[in-house]
Amino acid sequence: MTNPLGMHAGQYRNEYTEAENKSFTEQFSSITTAMAEAMANGVSVSDEQVQQLIRQHYDFCLQFWPPTREAYKSLAMSFILPSEYRDSYESVATGLGKYHYDAIVVWADANLD
């Protein structure tokens, strides 16, 4: 069967070294922690501080795939819809998935075609 929706997540294979995976975890954790702190401090998702964090998140994603605006915003949807991504963000701070989603939408609309 062909892949009419162009979905490729099931094709992902982690062929990275232990050191690379550790680095990815540290990078992601740093961004997530900074996002949670910004949210806790009441920083708007459109604030330059938060938008810089989203740029870091986008750059992090570029290590694995080059998302278009719609693809990046679709990824962000998984932060608010029932998913492991949402559950992971919500375990850090209640509302973090929605906060991250909103910030990505602002950044993607301003920076991606």
PDB file of N, CA and C in Angstrom:
ATOM      1  N   MET A   1       0.844  -1.187   0.000  1.00  0.00           N
ATOM      2  CA  MET A   1       0.000   0.000   0.000  1.00  0.00           C
ATOM      3  C   MET A   1       0.885   1.245   0.000  1.00  0.00           C
ATOM      4  N   THR A   2       0.458   2.241  -0.705  1.00  0.00           N
ATOM      5  CA  THR A   2       1.202   3.494  -0.727  1.00  0.00           C
ATOM      6  C   THR A   2       0.918   4.286   0.535  1.00  0.00           C
ATOM      7  N   ASN A   3       1.584   5.393   0.659  1.00  0.00           N
ATOM      8  CA  ASN A   3       1.449   6.248   1.837  1.00  0.00           C
ATOM      9  C   ASN A   3       0.771   7.546   1.396  1.00  0.00           C
ATOM     10  N   PRO A   4      -0.575   7.535   1.211  1.00  0.00           N
ATOM     11  CA  PRO A   4      -1.257   8.694   0.633  1.00  0.00           C
ATOM     12  C   PRO A   4      -1.180   9.960   1.480  1.00  0.00           C
ATOM     13  N   LEU A   5      -1.009   9.826   2.770  1.00  0.00           N
ATOM     14  CA  LEU A   5      -0.951  11.006   3.626  1.00  0.00           C
ATOM     15  C   LEU A   5       0.473  11.501   3.840  1.00  0.00           C
ATOM     16  N   GLY A   6       1.436  10.777   3.319  1.00  0.00           N
ATOM     17  CA  GLY A   6       2.821  11.198   3.475  1.00  0.00           C
ATOM     18  C   GLY A   6       3.320  11.108   4.900  1.00  0.00           C
ATOM     19  N   MET A   7       2.764  10.190   5.671  1.00  0.00           N
ATOM     20  CA  MET A   7       3.156  10.053   7.074  1.00  0.00           C
ATOM     21  C   MET A   7       4.360   9.121   7.162  1.00  0.00           C
ATOM     22  N   HIS A   8       5.386   9.585   7.845  1.00  0.00           N
ATOM     23  CA  HIS A   8       6.635   8.834   7.890  1.00  0.00           C
ATOM     24  C   HIS A   8       7.120   8.516   9.294  1.00  0.00           C
ATOM     25  N   ALA A   9       6.361   8.882  10.312  1.00  0.00           N
ATOM     26  CA  ALA A   9       6.826   8.684  11.688  1.00  0.00           C
ATOM     27  C   ALA A   9       7.132   7.223  11.977  1.00  0.00           C
ATOM     28  N   GLY A  10       6.367   6.321  11.407  1.00  0.00           N
ATOM     29  CA  GLY A  10       6.594   4.902  11.645  1.00  0.00           C
ATOM     30  C   GLY A  10       7.867   4.390  11.003  1.00  0.00           C
ATOM     31  N   GLN A  11       8.462   5.184  10.149  1.00  0.00           N
ATOM     32  CA  GLN A  11       9.684   4.777   9.467  1.00  0.00           C
ATOM     33  C   GLN A  11      10.941   5.216  10.208  1.00  0.00           C
ATOM     34  N   TYR A  12      10.772   5.960  11.286  1.00  0.00           N
ATOM     35  CA  TYR A  12      11.920   6.474  12.038  1.00  0.00           C
ATOM     36  C   TYR A  12      12.694   5.333  12.676  1.00  0.00           C
ATOM     37  N   ARG A  13      13.995   5.383  12.510  1.00  0.00           N
ATOM     38  CA  ARG A  13      14.876   4.421  13.168  1.00  0.00           C
ATOM     39  C   ARG A  13      15.953   5.204  13.893  1.00  0.00           C
ATOM     40  N   ASN A  14      16.107   4.915  15.155  1.00  0.00           N
ATOM     41  CA  ASN A  14      17.128   5.597  15.947  1.00  0.00           C
ATOM     42  C   ASN A  14      18.463   4.906  15.704  1.00  0.00           C
ATOM     43  N   GLU A  15      19.255   5.512  14.856  1.00  0.00           N
ATOM     44  CA  GLU A  15      20.579   4.973  14.549  1.00  0.00           C
ATOM     45  C   GLU A  15      21.673   5.893  15.087  1.00  0.00           C
ATOM     46  N   TYR A  16      21.321   6.663  16.111  1.00  0.00           N
ATOM     47  CA  TYR A  16      22.277   7.578  16.717  1.00  0.00           C
ATOM     48  C   TYR A  16      23.049   6.876  17.823  1.00  0.00           C
ATOM     49  N   THR A  17      24.222   7.387  18.117  1.00  0.00           N
ATOM     50  CA  THR A  17      25.039   6.817  19.181  1.00  0.00           C
ATOM     51  C   THR A  17      24.440   7.174  20.538  1.00  0.00           C
ATOM     52  N   GLU A  18      24.915   6.510  21.553  1.00  0.00           N
ATOM     53  CA  GLU A  18      24.467   6.814  22.914  1.00  0.00           C
ATOM     54  C   GLU A  18      24.787   8.269  23.268  1.00  0.00           C
ATOM     55  N   ALA A  19      25.960   8.727  22.870  1.00  0.00           N
ATOM     56  CA  ALA A  19      26.356  10.114  23.152  1.00  0.00           C
ATOM     57  C   ALA A  19      25.449  11.103  22.417  1.00  0.00           C
ATOM     58  N   GLU A  20      25.115  10.807  21.162  1.00  0.00           N
ATOM     59  CA  GLU A  20      24.213  11.686  20.413  1.00  0.00           C
ATOM     60  C   GLU A  20      22.834  11.731  21.067  1.00  0.00           C
ATOM     61  N   ASN A  21      22.316  10.570  21.454  1.00  0.00           N
ATOM     62  CA  ASN A  21      21.010  10.531  22.113  1.00  0.00           C
ATOM     63  C   ASN A  21      21.031  11.295  23.429  1.00  0.00           C
ATOM     64  N   LYS A  22      22.118  11.198  24.160  1.00  0.00           N
ATOM     65  CA  LYS A  22      22.239  11.945  25.413  1.00  0.00           C
ATOM     66  C   LYS A  22      22.226  13.443  25.126  1.00  0.00           C
ATOM     67  N   SER A  23      22.932  13.855  24.099  1.00  0.00           N
ATOM     68  CA  SER A  23      22.966  15.267  23.717  1.00  0.00           C
ATOM     69  C   SER A  23      21.574  15.748  23.312  1.00  0.00           C
ATOM     70  N   PHE A  24      20.853  14.953  22.528  1.00  0.00           N
ATOM     71  CA  PHE A  24      19.493  15.317  22.124  1.00  0.00           C
ATOM     72  C   PHE A  24      18.601  15.498  23.352  1.00  0.00           C
ATOM     73  N   THR A  25      18.709  14.580  24.298  1.00  0.00           N
ATOM     74  CA  THR A  25      17.900  14.654  25.517  1.00  0.00           C
ATOM     75  C   THR A  25      18.218  15.920  26.296  1.00  0.00           C
ATOM     76  N   GLU A  26      19.492  16.245  26.408  1.00  0.00           N
ATOM     77  CA  GLU A  26      19.898  17.453  27.136  1.00  0.00           C
ATOM     78  C   GLU A  26      19.403  18.718  26.438  1.00  0.00           C
ATOM     79  N   GLN A  27      19.529  18.761  25.119  1.00  0.00           N
ATOM     80  CA  GLN A  27      19.061  19.921  24.360  1.00  0.00           C
ATOM     81  C   GLN A  27      17.558  20.115  24.549  1.00  0.00           C
ATOM     82  N   PHE A  28      16.812  19.029  24.381  1.00  0.00           N
ATOM     83  CA  PHE A  28      15.357  19.101  24.485  1.00  0.00           C
ATOM     84  C   PHE A  28      14.931  19.492  25.895  1.00  0.00           C
ATOM     85  N   SER A  29      15.577  18.923  26.885  1.00  0.00           N
ATOM     86  CA  SER A  29      15.259  19.234  28.278  1.00  0.00           C
ATOM     87  C   SER A  29      15.517  20.703  28.585  1.00  0.00           C
ATOM     88  N   SER A  30      16.598  21.234  28.078  1.00  0.00           N
ATOM     89  CA  SER A  30      16.940  22.638  28.304  1.00  0.00           C
ATOM     90  C   SER A  30      15.874  23.565  27.720  1.00  0.00           C
ATOM     91  N   ILE A  31      15.452  23.282  26.499  1.00  0.00           N
ATOM     92  CA  ILE A  31      14.417  24.097  25.854  1.00  0.00           C
ATOM     93  C   ILE A  31      13.101  23.985  26.622  1.00  0.00           C
ATOM     94  N   THR A  32      12.734  22.765  26.983  1.00  0.00           N
ATOM     95  CA  THR A  32      11.469  22.536  27.689  1.00  0.00           C
ATOM     96  C   THR A  32      11.458  23.225  29.044  1.00  0.00           C
ATOM     97  N   THR A  33      12.552  23.132  29.774  1.00  0.00           N
ATOM     98  CA  THR A  33      12.647  23.787  31.081  1.00  0.00           C
ATOM     99  C   THR A  33      12.532  25.301  30.936  1.00  0.00           C
ATOM    100  N   ALA A  34      13.206  25.857  29.945  1.00  0.00           N
ATOM    101  CA  ALA A  34      13.142  27.305  29.719  1.00  0.00           C
ATOM    102  C   ALA A  34      11.731  27.742  29.324  1.00  0.00           C
ATOM    103  N   MET A  35      11.045  26.925  28.535  1.00  0.00           N
ATOM    104  CA  MET A  35       9.659  27.242  28.165  1.00  0.00           C
ATOM    105  C   MET A  35       8.764  27.225  29.399  1.00  0.00           C
ATOM    106  N   ALA A  36       8.943  26.232  30.259  1.00  0.00           N
ATOM    107  CA  ALA A  36       8.134  26.138  31.481  1.00  0.00           C
ATOM    108  C   ALA A  36       8.383  27.339  32.385  1.00  0.00           C
ATOM    109  N   GLU A  37       9.633  27.765  32.481  1.00  0.00           N
ATOM    110  CA  GLU A  37       9.964  28.934  33.302  1.00  0.00           C
ATOM    111  C   GLU A  37       9.331  30.203  32.732  1.00  0.00           C
ATOM    112  N   ALA A  38       9.389  30.350  31.418  1.00  0.00           N
ATOM    113  CA  ALA A  38       8.779  31.524  30.785  1.00  0.00           C
ATOM    114  C   ALA A  38       7.275  31.531  31.032  1.00  0.00           C
ATOM    115  N   MET A  39       6.641  30.383  30.883  1.00  0.00           N
ATOM    116  CA  MET A  39       5.206  30.292  31.130  1.00  0.00           C
ATOM    117  C   MET A  39       4.887  30.642  32.580  1.00  0.00           C
ATOM    118  N   ALA A  40       5.657  30.088  33.511  1.00  0.00           N
ATOM    119  CA  ALA A  40       5.430  30.341  34.941  1.00  0.00           C
ATOM    120  C   ALA A  40       5.600  31.818  35.285  1.00  0.00           C
ATOM    121  N   ASN A  41       6.469  32.498  34.541  1.00  0.00           N
ATOM    122  CA  ASN A  41       6.717  33.924  34.774  1.00  0.00           C
ATOM    123  C   ASN A  41       5.756  34.827  34.006  1.00  0.00           C
ATOM    124  N   GLY A  42       4.813  34.219  33.304  1.00  0.00           N
ATOM    125  CA  GLY A  42       3.807  35.005  32.593  1.00  0.00           C
ATOM    126  C   GLY A  42       4.285  35.675  31.327  1.00  0.00           C
ATOM    127  N   VAL A  43       5.372  35.169  30.750  1.00  0.00           N
ATOM    128  CA  VAL A  43       5.902  35.750  29.517  1.00  0.00           C
ATOM    129  C   VAL A  43       4.984  35.357  28.356  1.00  0.00           C
ATOM    130  N   SER A  44       4.582  36.319  27.562  1.00  0.00           N
ATOM    131  CA  SER A  44       3.706  36.080  26.416  1.00  0.00           C
ATOM    132  C   SER A  44       4.391  35.173  25.394  1.00  0.00           C
ATOM    133  N   VAL A  45       3.598  34.344  24.711  1.00  0.00           N
ATOM    134  CA  VAL A  45       4.167  33.461  23.691  1.00  0.00           C
ATOM    135  C   VAL A  45       4.760  34.247  22.530  1.00  0.00           C
ATOM    136  N   SER A  46       4.328  35.481  22.352  1.00  0.00           N
ATOM    137  CA  SER A  46       4.865  36.303  21.263  1.00  0.00           C
ATOM    138  C   SER A  46       6.088  37.119  21.684  1.00  0.00           C
ATOM    139  N   ASP A  47       6.458  37.053  22.950  1.00  0.00           N
ATOM    140  CA  ASP A  47       7.633  37.767  23.447  1.00  0.00           C
ATOM    141  C   ASP A  47       8.896  37.221  22.784  1.00  0.00           C
ATOM    142  N   GLU A  48       9.849  38.103  22.540  1.00  0.00           N
ATOM    143  CA  GLU A  48      11.101  37.709  21.875  1.00  0.00           C
ATOM    144  C   GLU A  48      11.813  36.572  22.609  1.00  0.00           C
ATOM    145  N   GLN A  49      11.768  36.576  23.929  1.00  0.00           N
ATOM    146  CA  GLN A  49      12.413  35.512  24.717  1.00  0.00           C
ATOM    147  C   GLN A  49      11.829  34.143  24.359  1.00  0.00           C
ATOM    148  N   VAL A  50      10.525  34.060  24.305  1.00  0.00           N
ATOM    149  CA  VAL A  50       9.862  32.794  23.982  1.00  0.00           C
ATOM    150  C   VAL A  50      10.075  32.443  22.512  1.00  0.00           C
ATOM    151  N   GLN A  51      10.012  33.433  21.649  1.00  0.00           N
ATOM    152  CA  GLN A  51      10.213  33.171  20.232  1.00  0.00           C
ATOM    153  C   GLN A  51      11.634  32.674  19.949  1.00  0.00           C
ATOM    154  N   GLN A  52      12.617  33.133  20.710  1.00  0.00           N
ATOM    155  CA  GLN A  52      13.981  32.605  20.583  1.00  0.00           C
ATOM    156  C   GLN A  52      14.033  31.138  21.015  1.00  0.00           C
ATOM    157  N   LEU A  53      13.284  30.801  22.044  1.00  0.00           N
ATOM    158  CA  LEU A  53      13.225  29.401  22.483  1.00  0.00           C
ATOM    159  C   LEU A  53      12.589  28.526  21.411  1.00  0.00           C
ATOM    160  N   ILE A  54      11.574  29.048  20.744  1.00  0.00           N
ATOM    161  CA  ILE A  54      10.950  28.287  19.660  1.00  0.00           C
ATOM    162  C   ILE A  54      11.928  28.132  18.508  1.00  0.00           C
ATOM    163  N   ARG A  55      12.717  29.146  18.237  1.00  0.00           N
ATOM    164  CA  ARG A  55      13.749  29.017  17.204  1.00  0.00           C
ATOM    165  C   ARG A  55      14.715  27.884  17.576  1.00  0.00           C
ATOM    166  N   GLN A  56      15.088  27.809  18.844  1.00  0.00           N
ATOM    167  CA  GLN A  56      15.955  26.722  19.304  1.00  0.00           C
ATOM    168  C   GLN A  56      15.260  25.372  19.120  1.00  0.00           C
ATOM    169  N   HIS A  57      13.971  25.323  19.420  1.00  0.00           N
ATOM    170  CA  HIS A  57      13.213  24.079  19.248  1.00  0.00           C
ATOM    171  C   HIS A  57      13.161  23.684  17.771  1.00  0.00           C
ATOM    172  N   TYR A  58      12.930  24.657  16.899  1.00  0.00           N
ATOM    173  CA  TYR A  58      12.906  24.378  15.463  1.00  0.00           C
ATOM    174  C   TYR A  58      14.274  23.874  15.001  1.00  0.00           C
ATOM    175  N   ASP A  59      15.340  24.527  15.450  1.00  0.00           N
ATOM    176  CA  ASP A  59      16.691  24.079  15.109  1.00  0.00           C
ATOM    177  C   ASP A  59      16.939  22.666  15.620  1.00  0.00           C
ATOM    178  N   PHE A  60      16.414  22.363  16.801  1.00  0.00           N
ATOM    179  CA  PHE A  60      16.517  21.006  17.337  1.00  0.00           C
ATOM    180  C   PHE A  60      15.837  20.029  16.376  1.00  0.00           C
ATOM    181  N   CYS A  61      14.643  20.363  15.929  1.00  0.00           N
ATOM    182  CA  CYS A  61      13.908  19.497  15.003  1.00  0.00           C
ATOM    183  C   CYS A  61      14.668  19.293  13.695  1.00  0.00           C
ATOM    184  N   LEU A  62      15.389  20.315  13.251  1.00  0.00           N
ATOM    185  CA  LEU A  62      16.135  20.224  11.996  1.00  0.00           C
ATOM    186  C   LEU A  62      17.197  19.129  12.020  1.00  0.00           C
ATOM    187  N   GLN A  63      17.576  18.678  13.191  1.00  0.00           N
ATOM    188  CA  GLN A  63      18.539  17.579  13.285  1.00  0.00           C
ATOM    189  C   GLN A  63      17.929  16.275  12.777  1.00  0.00           C
ATOM    190  N   PHE A  64      16.604  16.225  12.701  1.00  0.00           N
ATOM    191  CA  PHE A  64      15.906  14.999  12.339  1.00  0.00           C
ATOM    192  C   PHE A  64      15.098  15.119  11.053  1.00  0.00           C
ATOM    193  N   TRP A  65      14.553  16.292  10.782  1.00  0.00           N
ATOM    194  CA  TRP A  65      13.749  16.528   9.581  1.00  0.00           C
ATOM    195  C   TRP A  65      13.542  18.029   9.409  1.00  0.00           C
ATOM    196  N   PRO A  66      13.314  18.477   8.176  1.00  0.00           N
ATOM    197  CA  PRO A  66      13.106  19.912   7.930  1.00  0.00           C
ATOM    198  C   PRO A  66      11.609  20.242   7.813  1.00  0.00           C
ATOM    199  N   PRO A  67      10.939  20.539   8.926  1.00  0.00           N
ATOM    200  CA  PRO A  67       9.498  20.777   8.834  1.00  0.00           C
ATOM    201  C   PRO A  67       9.140  22.090   8.136  1.00  0.00           C
ATOM    202  N   THR A  68       8.122  22.016   7.296  1.00  0.00           N
ATOM    203  CA  THR A  68       7.533  23.210   6.705  1.00  0.00           C
ATOM    204  C   THR A  68       6.684  23.896   7.775  1.00  0.00           C
ATOM    205  N   ARG A  69       6.126  25.047   7.441  1.00  0.00           N
ATOM    206  CA  ARG A  69       5.259  25.740   8.403  1.00  0.00           C
ATOM    207  C   ARG A  69       4.110  24.833   8.848  1.00  0.00           C
ATOM    208  N   GLU A  70       3.423  24.234   7.884  1.00  0.00           N
ATOM    209  CA  GLU A  70       2.270  23.398   8.238  1.00  0.00           C
ATOM    210  C   GLU A  70       2.701  22.154   9.009  1.00  0.00           C
ATOM    211  N   ALA A  71       3.824  21.569   8.632  1.00  0.00           N
ATOM    212  CA  ALA A  71       4.302  20.378   9.339  1.00  0.00           C
ATOM    213  C   ALA A  71       4.699  20.715  10.772  1.00  0.00           C
ATOM    214  N   TYR A  72       5.341  21.853  10.956  1.00  0.00           N
ATOM    215  CA  TYR A  72       5.770  22.251  12.301  1.00  0.00           C
ATOM    216  C   TYR A  72       4.557  22.548  13.176  1.00  0.00           C
ATOM    217  N   LYS A  73       3.572  23.230  12.606  1.00  0.00           N
ATOM    218  CA  LYS A  73       2.351  23.508  13.352  1.00  0.00           C
ATOM    219  C   LYS A  73       1.582  22.214  13.638  1.00  0.00           C
ATOM    220  N   SER A  74       1.643  21.260  12.729  1.00  0.00           N
ATOM    221  CA  SER A  74       1.000  19.962  12.967  1.00  0.00           C
ATOM    222  C   SER A  74       1.691  19.215  14.099  1.00  0.00           C
ATOM    223  N   LEU A  75       3.014  19.269  14.129  1.00  0.00           N
ATOM    224  CA  LEU A  75       3.739  18.680  15.250  1.00  0.00           C
ATOM    225  C   LEU A  75       3.261  19.315  16.547  1.00  0.00           C
ATOM    226  N   ALA A  76       3.137  20.622  16.550  1.00  0.00           N
ATOM    227  CA  ALA A  76       2.703  21.337  17.751  1.00  0.00           C
ATOM    228  C   ALA A  76       1.299  20.924  18.180  1.00  0.00           C
ATOM    229  N   MET A  77       0.458  20.542  17.228  1.00  0.00           N
ATOM    230  CA  MET A  77      -0.891  20.070  17.585  1.00  0.00           C
ATOM    231  C   MET A  77      -0.816  18.857  18.502  1.00  0.00           C
ATOM    232  N   SER A  78       0.228  18.049  18.320  1.00  0.00           N
ATOM    233  CA  SER A  78       0.367  16.859  19.173  1.00  0.00           C
ATOM    234  C   SER A  78       0.703  17.233  20.610  1.00  0.00           C
ATOM    235  N   PHE A  79       1.035  18.493  20.841  1.00  0.00           N
ATOM    236  CA  PHE A  79       1.316  18.958  22.202  1.00  0.00           C
ATOM    237  C   PHE A  79       0.030  19.282  22.961  1.00  0.00           C
ATOM    238  N   ILE A  80      -1.099  19.394  22.217  1.00  0.00           N
ATOM    239  CA  ILE A  80      -2.370  19.719  22.880  1.00  0.00           C
ATOM    240  C   ILE A  80      -3.431  18.635  22.702  1.00  0.00           C
ATOM    241  N   LEU A  81      -3.292  17.796  21.692  1.00  0.00           N
ATOM    242  CA  LEU A  81      -4.222  16.681  21.509  1.00  0.00           C
ATOM    243  C   LEU A  81      -3.759  15.498  22.354  1.00  0.00           C
ATOM    244  N   PRO A  82      -4.667  14.596  22.687  1.00  0.00           N
ATOM    245  CA  PRO A  82      -4.241  13.432  23.481  1.00  0.00           C
ATOM    246  C   PRO A  82      -3.098  12.681  22.785  1.00  0.00           C
ATOM    247  N   SER A  83      -1.936  12.687  23.404  1.00  0.00           N
ATOM    248  CA  SER A  83      -0.755  12.030  22.840  1.00  0.00           C
ATOM    249  C   SER A  83       0.313  11.932  23.918  1.00  0.00           C
ATOM    250  N   GLU A  84       1.340  11.157  23.627  1.00  0.00           N
ATOM    251  CA  GLU A  84       2.478  11.072  24.547  1.00  0.00           C
ATOM    252  C   GLU A  84       3.186  12.418  24.654  1.00  0.00           C
ATOM    253  N   TYR A  85       3.209  13.174  23.558  1.00  0.00           N
ATOM    254  CA  TYR A  85       3.839  14.497  23.594  1.00  0.00           C
ATOM    255  C   TYR A  85       3.122  15.398  24.591  1.00  0.00           C
ATOM    256  N   ARG A  86       1.791  15.458  24.477  1.00  0.00           N
ATOM    257  CA  ARG A  86       1.025  16.298  25.405  1.00  0.00           C
ATOM    258  C   ARG A  86       1.259  15.859  26.840  1.00  0.00           C
ATOM    259  N   ASP A  87       1.184  14.555  27.073  1.00  0.00           N
ATOM    260  CA  ASP A  87       1.367  14.043  28.430  1.00  0.00           C
ATOM    261  C   ASP A  87       2.745  14.390  28.974  1.00  0.00           C
ATOM    262  N   SER A  88       3.744  14.341  28.110  1.00  0.00           N
ATOM    263  CA  SER A  88       5.104  14.672  28.534  1.00  0.00           C
ATOM    264  C   SER A  88       5.204  16.142  28.941  1.00  0.00           C
ATOM    265  N   TYR A  89       4.676  17.030  28.112  1.00  0.00           N
ATOM    266  CA  TYR A  89       4.706  18.458  28.453  1.00  0.00           C
ATOM    267  C   TYR A  89       3.898  18.748  29.708  1.00  0.00           C
ATOM    268  N   GLU A  90       2.727  18.129  29.818  1.00  0.00           N
ATOM    269  CA  GLU A  90       1.872  18.381  30.978  1.00  0.00           C
ATOM    270  C   GLU A  90       2.496  17.846  32.263  1.00  0.00           C
ATOM    271  N   SER A  91       3.371  16.844  32.149  1.00  0.00           N
ATOM    272  CA  SER A  91       4.044  16.329  33.345  1.00  0.00           C
ATOM    273  C   SER A  91       5.094  17.316  33.857  1.00  0.00           C
ATOM    274  N   VAL A  92       5.561  18.188  32.985  1.00  0.00           N
ATOM    275  CA  VAL A  92       6.520  19.225  33.383  1.00  0.00           C
ATOM    276  C   VAL A  92       5.779  20.378  34.052  1.00  0.00           C
ATOM    277  N   ALA A  93       4.700  20.837  33.418  1.00  0.00           N
ATOM    278  CA  ALA A  93       3.898  21.944  33.961  1.00  0.00           C
ATOM    279  C   ALA A  93       2.528  21.937  33.291  1.00  0.00           C
ATOM    280  N   THR A  94       1.504  22.049  34.080  1.00  0.00           N
ATOM    281  CA  THR A  94       0.150  22.093  33.541  1.00  0.00           C
ATOM    282  C   THR A  94       0.001  23.295  32.613  1.00  0.00           C
ATOM    283  N   GLY A  95      -0.451  23.024  31.399  1.00  0.00           N
ATOM    284  CA  GLY A  95      -0.626  24.081  30.408  1.00  0.00           C
ATOM    285  C   GLY A  95       0.560  24.280  29.486  1.00  0.00           C
ATOM    286  N   LEU A  96       1.664  23.571  29.738  1.00  0.00           N
ATOM    287  CA  LEU A  96       2.868  23.777  28.925  1.00  0.00           C
ATOM    288  C   LEU A  96       2.660  23.343  27.477  1.00  0.00           C
ATOM    289  N   GLY A  97       1.908  22.281  27.246  1.00  0.00           N
ATOM    290  CA  GLY A  97       1.653  21.850  25.872  1.00  0.00           C
ATOM    291  C   GLY A  97       0.969  22.937  25.058  1.00  0.00           C
ATOM    292  N   LYS A  98      -0.049  23.552  25.630  1.00  0.00           N
ATOM    293  CA  LYS A  98      -0.788  24.633  24.944  1.00  0.00           C
ATOM    294  C   LYS A  98       0.096  25.864  24.767  1.00  0.00           C
ATOM    295  N   TYR A  99       0.857  26.189  25.774  1.00  0.00           N
ATOM    296  CA  TYR A  99       1.769  27.336  25.708  1.00  0.00           C
ATOM    297  C   TYR A  99       2.778  27.135  24.573  1.00  0.00           C
ATOM    298  N   HIS A 100       3.363  25.946  24.507  1.00  0.00           N
ATOM    299  CA  HIS A 100       4.344  25.638  23.471  1.00  0.00           C
ATOM    300  C   HIS A 100       3.677  25.669  22.095  1.00  0.00           C
ATOM    301  N   TYR A 101       2.477  25.081  22.002  1.00  0.00           N
ATOM    302  CA  TYR A 101       1.730  25.107  20.741  1.00  0.00           C
ATOM    303  C   TYR A 101       1.513  26.545  20.272  1.00  0.00           C
ATOM    304  N   ASP A 102       0.980  27.374  21.148  1.00  0.00           N
ATOM    305  CA  ASP A 102       0.693  28.767  20.780  1.00  0.00           C
ATOM    306  C   ASP A 102       1.954  29.497  20.326  1.00  0.00           C
ATOM    307  N   ALA A 103       3.055  29.256  21.009  1.00  0.00           N
ATOM    308  CA  ALA A 103       4.318  29.908  20.650  1.00  0.00           C
ATOM    309  C   ALA A 103       4.819  29.431  19.290  1.00  0.00           C
ATOM    310  N   ILE A 104       4.672  28.151  19.012  1.00  0.00           N
ATOM    311  CA  ILE A 104       5.088  27.616  17.709  1.00  0.00           C
ATOM    312  C   ILE A 104       4.261  28.220  16.586  1.00  0.00           C
ATOM    313  N   VAL A 105       2.963  28.346  16.784  1.00  0.00           N
ATOM    314  CA  VAL A 105       2.105  28.935  15.749  1.00  0.00           C
ATOM    315  C   VAL A 105       2.564  30.354  15.420  1.00  0.00           C
ATOM    316  N   VAL A 106       2.841  31.146  16.438  1.00  0.00           N
ATOM    317  CA  VAL A 106       3.323  32.518  16.217  1.00  0.00           C
ATOM    318  C   VAL A 106       4.633  32.487  15.434  1.00  0.00           C
ATOM    319  N   TRP A 107       5.583  31.665  15.883  1.00  0.00           N
ATOM    320  CA  TRP A 107       6.902  31.623  15.246  1.00  0.00           C
ATOM    321  C   TRP A 107       6.811  31.100  13.811  1.00  0.00           C
ATOM    322  N   ALA A 108       6.081  30.014  13.621  1.00  0.00           N
ATOM    323  CA  ALA A 108       5.980  29.408  12.289  1.00  0.00           C
ATOM    324  C   ALA A 108       5.331  30.362  11.292  1.00  0.00           C
ATOM    325  N   ASP A 109       4.270  31.038  11.710  1.00  0.00           N
ATOM    326  CA  ASP A 109       3.611  31.981  10.805  1.00  0.00           C
ATOM    327  C   ASP A 109       4.526  33.146  10.429  1.00  0.00           C
ATOM    328  N   ALA A 110       5.402  33.528  11.322  1.00  0.00           N
ATOM    329  CA  ALA A 110       6.304  34.654  11.060  1.00  0.00           C
ATOM    330  C   ALA A 110       7.577  34.255  10.316  1.00  0.00           C
ATOM    331  N   ASN A 111       7.971  32.977  10.407  1.00  0.00           N
ATOM    332  CA  ASN A 111       9.302  32.604   9.926  1.00  0.00           C
ATOM    333  C   ASN A 111       9.368  31.509   8.871  1.00  0.00           C
ATOM    334  N   LEU A 112       8.294  30.795   8.645  1.00  0.00           N
ATOM    335  CA  LEU A 112       8.344  29.689   7.689  1.00  0.00           C
ATOM    336  C   LEU A 112       7.375  29.923   6.535  1.00  0.00           C
ATOM    337  N   ASP A 113       7.757  29.412   5.368  1.00  0.00           N
ATOM    338  CA  ASP A 113       6.875  29.496   4.190  1.00  0.00           C
ATOM    339  C   ASP A 113       5.877  28.365   4.203  1.00  0.00           C
TER     340      ASP A 113
END
